[in-house]
């Protein structure tokens, strides 16, 4: 795997983590509740994608 690709993925992961932490701080949502909501959305997006639907 190219080194630049790995570095890019690490950067995106850190930025996403920062965004998630900011959302949790600003909304008061707990980590477990946010995780469940994100998992729910990901599962439904995957199911819709498998059926060829758009969300």
PDB file of N, CA and C in Angstrom:
ATOM      1  N   UNK A   1       0.860  -1.174   0.000  1.00  0.00           N
ATOM      2  CA  UNK A   1       0.000   0.000   0.000  1.00  0.00           C
ATOM      3  C   UNK A   1       0.908   1.240   0.000  1.00  0.00           C
ATOM      4  N   UNK A   2       0.673   2.176  -0.902  1.00  0.00           N
ATOM      5  CA  UNK A   2       1.527   3.361  -0.970  1.00  0.00           C
ATOM      6  C   UNK A   2       1.513   4.155   0.340  1.00  0.00           C
ATOM      7  N   UNK A   3       2.671   4.683   0.681  1.00  0.00           N
ATOM      8  CA  UNK A   3       2.829   5.415   1.937  1.00  0.00           C
ATOM      9  C   UNK A   3       1.916   6.645   2.013  1.00  0.00           C
ATOM     10  N   UNK A   4       1.748   7.343   0.888  1.00  0.00           N
ATOM     11  CA  UNK A   4       0.890   8.533   0.866  1.00  0.00           C
ATOM     12  C   UNK A   4      -0.563   8.160   1.152  1.00  0.00           C
ATOM     13  N   UNK A   5      -0.994   7.009   0.653  1.00  0.00           N
ATOM     14  CA  UNK A   5      -2.365   6.541   0.878  1.00  0.00           C
ATOM     15  C   UNK A   5      -2.593   6.269   2.364  1.00  0.00           C
ATOM     16  N   UNK A   6      -1.628   5.629   2.988  1.00  0.00           N
ATOM     17  CA  UNK A   6      -1.732   5.320   4.417  1.00  0.00           C
ATOM     18  C   UNK A   6      -1.777   6.614   5.226  1.00  0.00           C
ATOM     19  N   UNK A   7      -0.902   7.558   4.893  1.00  0.00           N
ATOM     20  CA  UNK A   7      -0.867   8.840   5.604  1.00  0.00           C
ATOM     21  C   UNK A   7      -2.194   9.581   5.441  1.00  0.00           C
ATOM     22  N   UNK A   8      -2.757   9.539   4.246  1.00  0.00           N
ATOM     23  CA  UNK A   8      -4.045  10.198   3.990  1.00  0.00           C
ATOM     24  C   UNK A   8      -5.137   9.568   4.844  1.00  0.00           C
ATOM     25  N   UNK A   9      -5.176   8.245   4.910  1.00  0.00           N
ATOM     26  CA  UNK A   9      -6.198   7.560   5.712  1.00  0.00           C
ATOM     27  C   UNK A   9      -6.066   7.889   7.189  1.00  0.00           C
ATOM     28  N   UNK A  10      -4.836   7.985   7.668  1.00  0.00           N
ATOM     29  CA  UNK A  10      -4.614   8.343   9.070  1.00  0.00           C
ATOM     30  C   UNK A  10      -5.116   9.758   9.331  1.00  0.00           C
ATOM     31  N   UNK A  11      -4.824  10.683   8.416  1.00  0.00           N
ATOM     32  CA  UNK A  11      -5.272  12.068   8.563  1.00  0.00           C
ATOM     33  C   UNK A  11      -6.798  12.146   8.586  1.00  0.00           C
ATOM     34  N   UNK A  12      -7.451  11.452   7.660  1.00  0.00           N
ATOM     35  CA  UNK A  12      -8.917  11.466   7.606  1.00  0.00           C
ATOM     36  C   UNK A  12      -9.501  10.874   8.887  1.00  0.00           C
ATOM     37  N   UNK A  13      -8.911   9.796   9.385  1.00  0.00           N
ATOM     38  CA  UNK A  13      -9.396   9.169  10.616  1.00  0.00           C
ATOM     39  C   UNK A  13      -9.315  10.132  11.789  1.00  0.00           C
ATOM     40  N   UNK A  14      -8.204  10.862  11.881  1.00  0.00           N
ATOM     41  CA  UNK A  14      -8.046  11.826  12.977  1.00  0.00           C
ATOM     42  C   UNK A  14      -9.052  12.958  12.857  1.00  0.00           C
ATOM     43  N   UNK A  15      -9.242  13.461  11.640  1.00  0.00           N
ATOM     44  CA  UNK A  15     -10.195  14.553  11.440  1.00  0.00           C
ATOM     45  C   UNK A  15     -11.616  14.101  11.761  1.00  0.00           C
ATOM     46  N   UNK A  16     -11.970  12.902  11.355  1.00  0.00           N
ATOM     47  CA  UNK A  16     -13.301  12.377  11.655  1.00  0.00           C
ATOM     48  C   UNK A  16     -13.477  12.207  13.160  1.00  0.00           C
ATOM     49  N   UNK A  17     -12.456  11.732  13.823  1.00  0.00           N
ATOM     50  CA  UNK A  17     -12.508  11.576  15.272  1.00  0.00           C
ATOM     51  C   UNK A  17     -12.720  12.926  15.952  1.00  0.00           C
ATOM     52  N   UNK A  18     -12.030  13.958  15.462  1.00  0.00           N
ATOM     53  CA  UNK A  18     -12.198  15.304  16.020  1.00  0.00           C
ATOM     54  C   UNK A  18     -13.624  15.807  15.827  1.00  0.00           C
ATOM     55  N   UNK A  19     -14.192  15.553  14.661  1.00  0.00           N
ATOM     56  CA  UNK A  19     -15.564  15.983  14.377  1.00  0.00           C
ATOM     57  C   UNK A  19     -16.540  15.263  15.301  1.00  0.00           C
ATOM     58  N   UNK A  20     -16.360  13.966  15.464  1.00  0.00           N
ATOM     59  CA  UNK A  20     -17.252  13.189  16.333  1.00  0.00           C
ATOM     60  C   UNK A  20     -17.170  13.698  17.770  1.00  0.00           C
ATOM     61  N   UNK A  21     -15.963  13.974  18.247  1.00  0.00           N
ATOM     62  CA  UNK A  21     -15.807  14.495  19.605  1.00  0.00           C
ATOM     63  C   UNK A  21     -16.487  15.851  19.759  1.00  0.00           C
ATOM     64  N   UNK A  22     -16.374  16.710  18.746  1.00  0.00           N
ATOM     65  CA  UNK A  22     -17.018  18.025  18.798  1.00  0.00           C
ATOM     66  C   UNK A  22     -18.537  17.887  18.833  1.00  0.00           C
ATOM     67  N   UNK A  23     -19.075  16.980  18.041  1.00  0.00           N
ATOM     68  CA  UNK A  23     -20.526  16.748  18.039  1.00  0.00           C
ATOM     69  C   UNK A  23     -20.975  16.269  19.413  1.00  0.00           C
ATOM     70  N   UNK A  24     -20.220  15.362  19.992  1.00  0.00           N
ATOM     71  CA  UNK A  24     -20.581  14.842  21.309  1.00  0.00           C
ATOM     72  C   UNK A  24     -20.555  15.952  22.360  1.00  0.00           C
ATOM     73  N   UNK A  25     -19.528  16.811  22.307  1.00  0.00           N
ATOM     74  CA  UNK A  25     -19.426  17.921  23.265  1.00  0.00           C
ATOM     75  C   UNK A  25     -20.570  18.918  23.087  1.00  0.00           C
ATOM     76  N   UNK A  26     -20.864  19.262  21.851  1.00  0.00           N
ATOM     77  CA  UNK A  26     -21.852  20.308  21.576  1.00  0.00           C
ATOM     78  C   UNK A  26     -23.291  19.849  21.756  1.00  0.00           C
ATOM     79  N   UNK A  27     -23.542  18.567  21.642  1.00  0.00           N
ATOM     80  CA  UNK A  27     -24.914  18.076  21.764  1.00  0.00           C
ATOM     81  C   UNK A  27     -25.177  17.369  23.082  1.00  0.00           C
ATOM     82  N   UNK A  28     -24.124  17.010  23.787  1.00  0.00           N
ATOM     83  CA  UNK A  28     -24.282  16.284  25.031  1.00  0.00           C
ATOM     84  C   UNK A  28     -24.597  14.809  24.824  1.00  0.00           C
ATOM     85  N   UNK A  29     -24.527  14.345  23.578  1.00  0.00           N
ATOM     86  CA  UNK A  29     -24.816  12.941  23.296  1.00  0.00           C
ATOM     87  C   UNK A  29     -23.688  12.068  23.853  1.00  0.00           C
ATOM     88  N   UNK A  30     -24.038  10.938  24.340  1.00  0.00           N
ATOM     89  CA  UNK A  30     -23.054  10.011  24.892  1.00  0.00           C
ATOM     90  C   UNK A  30     -22.439   9.169  23.779  1.00  0.00           C
ATOM     91  N   UNK A  31     -21.232   8.708  24.021  1.00  0.00           N
ATOM     92  CA  UNK A  31     -20.493   7.951  23.009  1.00  0.00           C
ATOM     93  C   UNK A  31     -21.255   6.709  22.554  1.00  0.00           C
ATOM     94  N   UNK A  32     -21.858   5.993  23.471  1.00  0.00           N
ATOM     95  CA  UNK A  32     -22.585   4.770  23.108  1.00  0.00           C
ATOM     96  C   UNK A  32     -23.790   5.087  22.228  1.00  0.00           C
ATOM     97  N   UNK A  33     -24.509   6.154  22.552  1.00  0.00           N
ATOM     98  CA  UNK A  33     -25.682   6.532  21.756  1.00  0.00           C
ATOM     99  C   UNK A  33     -25.262   6.957  20.359  1.00  0.00           C
ATOM    100  N   UNK A  34     -24.175   7.711  20.258  1.00  0.00           N
ATOM    101  CA  UNK A  34     -23.678   8.135  18.952  1.00  0.00           C
ATOM    102  C   UNK A  34     -23.223   6.924  18.146  1.00  0.00           C
ATOM    103  N   UNK A  35     -22.553   6.000  18.796  1.00  0.00           N
ATOM    104  CA  UNK A  35     -22.105   4.787  18.112  1.00  0.00           C
ATOM    105  C   UNK A  35     -23.270   3.981  17.570  1.00  0.00           C
ATOM    106  N   UNK A  36     -24.319   3.839  18.367  1.00  0.00           N
ATOM    107  CA  UNK A  36     -25.500   3.102  17.905  1.00  0.00           C
ATOM    108  C   UNK A  36     -26.146   3.793  16.714  1.00  0.00           C
ATOM    109  N   UNK A  37     -26.243   5.120  16.760  1.00  0.00           N
ATOM    110  CA  UNK A  37     -26.857   5.868  15.658  1.00  0.00           C
ATOM    111  C   UNK A  37     -26.039   5.719  14.383  1.00  0.00           C
ATOM    112  N   UNK A  38     -24.718   5.817  14.497  1.00  0.00           N
ATOM    113  CA  UNK A  38     -23.861   5.676  13.316  1.00  0.00           C
ATOM    114  C   UNK A  38     -23.929   4.260  12.760  1.00  0.00           C
ATOM    115  N   UNK A  39     -23.947   3.267  13.630  1.00  0.00           N
ATOM    116  CA  UNK A  39     -24.043   1.882  13.188  1.00  0.00           C
ATOM    117  C   UNK A  39     -25.373   1.646  12.484  1.00  0.00           C
ATOM    118  N   UNK A  40     -26.461   2.166  13.040  1.00  0.00           N
ATOM    119  CA  UNK A  40     -27.795   2.035  12.441  1.00  0.00           C
ATOM    120  C   UNK A  40     -27.792   2.608  11.027  1.00  0.00           C
ATOM    121  N   UNK A  41     -27.260   3.812  10.873  1.00  0.00           N
ATOM    122  CA  UNK A  41     -27.209   4.452   9.554  1.00  0.00           C
ATOM    123  C   UNK A  41     -26.348   3.652   8.588  1.00  0.00           C
ATOM    124  N   UNK A  42     -25.209   3.173   9.051  1.00  0.00           N
ATOM    125  CA  UNK A  42     -24.312   2.408   8.183  1.00  0.00           C
ATOM    126  C   UNK A  42     -24.973   1.116   7.716  1.00  0.00           C
ATOM    127  N   UNK A  43     -25.660   0.434   8.611  1.00  0.00           N
ATOM    128  CA  UNK A  43     -26.325  -0.817   8.241  1.00  0.00           C
ATOM    129  C   UNK A  43     -27.428  -0.572   7.226  1.00  0.00           C
ATOM    130  N   UNK A  44     -28.213   0.475   7.432  1.00  0.00           N
ATOM    131  CA  UNK A  44     -29.301   0.762   6.502  1.00  0.00           C
ATOM    132  C   UNK A  44     -28.780   1.258   5.160  1.00  0.00           C
ATOM    133  N   UNK A  45     -27.690   2.004   5.172  1.00  0.00           N
ATOM    134  CA  UNK A  45     -27.088   2.454   3.914  1.00  0.00           C
ATOM    135  C   UNK A  45     -26.560   1.256   3.133  1.00  0.00           C
ATOM    136  N   UNK A  46     -25.976   0.297   3.844  1.00  0.00           N
ATOM    137  CA  UNK A  46     -25.451  -0.898   3.182  1.00  0.00           C
ATOM    138  C   UNK A  46     -26.591  -1.714   2.583  1.00  0.00           C
ATOM    139  N   UNK A  47     -27.685  -1.869   3.334  1.00  0.00           N
ATOM    140  CA  UNK A  47     -28.840  -2.619   2.824  1.00  0.00           C
ATOM    141  C   UNK A  47     -29.428  -1.927   1.604  1.00  0.00           C
ATOM    142  N   UNK A  48     -29.552  -0.606   1.660  1.00  0.00           N
ATOM    143  CA  UNK A  48     -30.101   0.149   0.535  1.00  0.00           C
ATOM    144  C   UNK A  48     -29.181   0.033  -0.671  1.00  0.00           C
ATOM    145  N   UNK A  49     -27.879   0.067  -0.430  1.00  0.00           N
ATOM    146  CA  UNK A  49     -26.916  -0.061  -1.520  1.00  0.00           C
ATOM    147  C   UNK A  49     -26.974  -1.429  -2.164  1.00  0.00           C
ATOM    148  N   UNK A  50     -27.211  -2.451  -1.367  1.00  0.00           N
ATOM    149  CA  UNK A  50     -27.301  -3.811  -1.900  1.00  0.00           C
ATOM    150  C   UNK A  50     -28.538  -3.968  -2.773  1.00  0.00           C
ATOM    151  N   UNK A  51     -29.572  -3.182  -2.473  1.00  0.00           N
ATOM    152  CA  UNK A  51     -30.810  -3.240  -3.249  1.00  0.00           C
ATOM    153  C   UNK A  51     -30.788  -2.256  -4.415  1.00  0.00           C
ATOM    154  N   UNK A  52     -29.740  -1.434  -4.497  1.00  0.00           N
ATOM    155  CA  UNK A  52     -29.651  -0.451  -5.566  1.00  0.00           C
ATOM    156  C   UNK A  52     -30.447   0.811  -5.303  1.00  0.00           C
ATOM    157  N   UNK A  53     -30.864   1.013  -4.048  1.00  0.00           N
ATOM    158  CA  UNK A  53     -31.639   2.201  -3.694  1.00  0.00           C
ATOM    159  C   UNK A  53     -30.695   3.335  -3.328  1.00  0.00           C
ATOM    160  N   UNK A  54     -31.216   4.549  -3.400  1.00  0.00           N
ATOM    161  CA  UNK A  54     -30.445   5.706  -2.957  1.00  0.00           C
ATOM    162  C   UNK A  54     -31.114   6.278  -1.732  1.00  0.00           C
ATOM    163  N   UNK A  55     -30.283   6.714  -0.782  1.00  0.00           N
ATOM    164  CA  UNK A  55     -30.799   7.333   0.445  1.00  0.00           C
ATOM    165  C   UNK A  55     -30.659   8.810   0.357  1.00  0.00           C
TER     166      UNK A  55
END
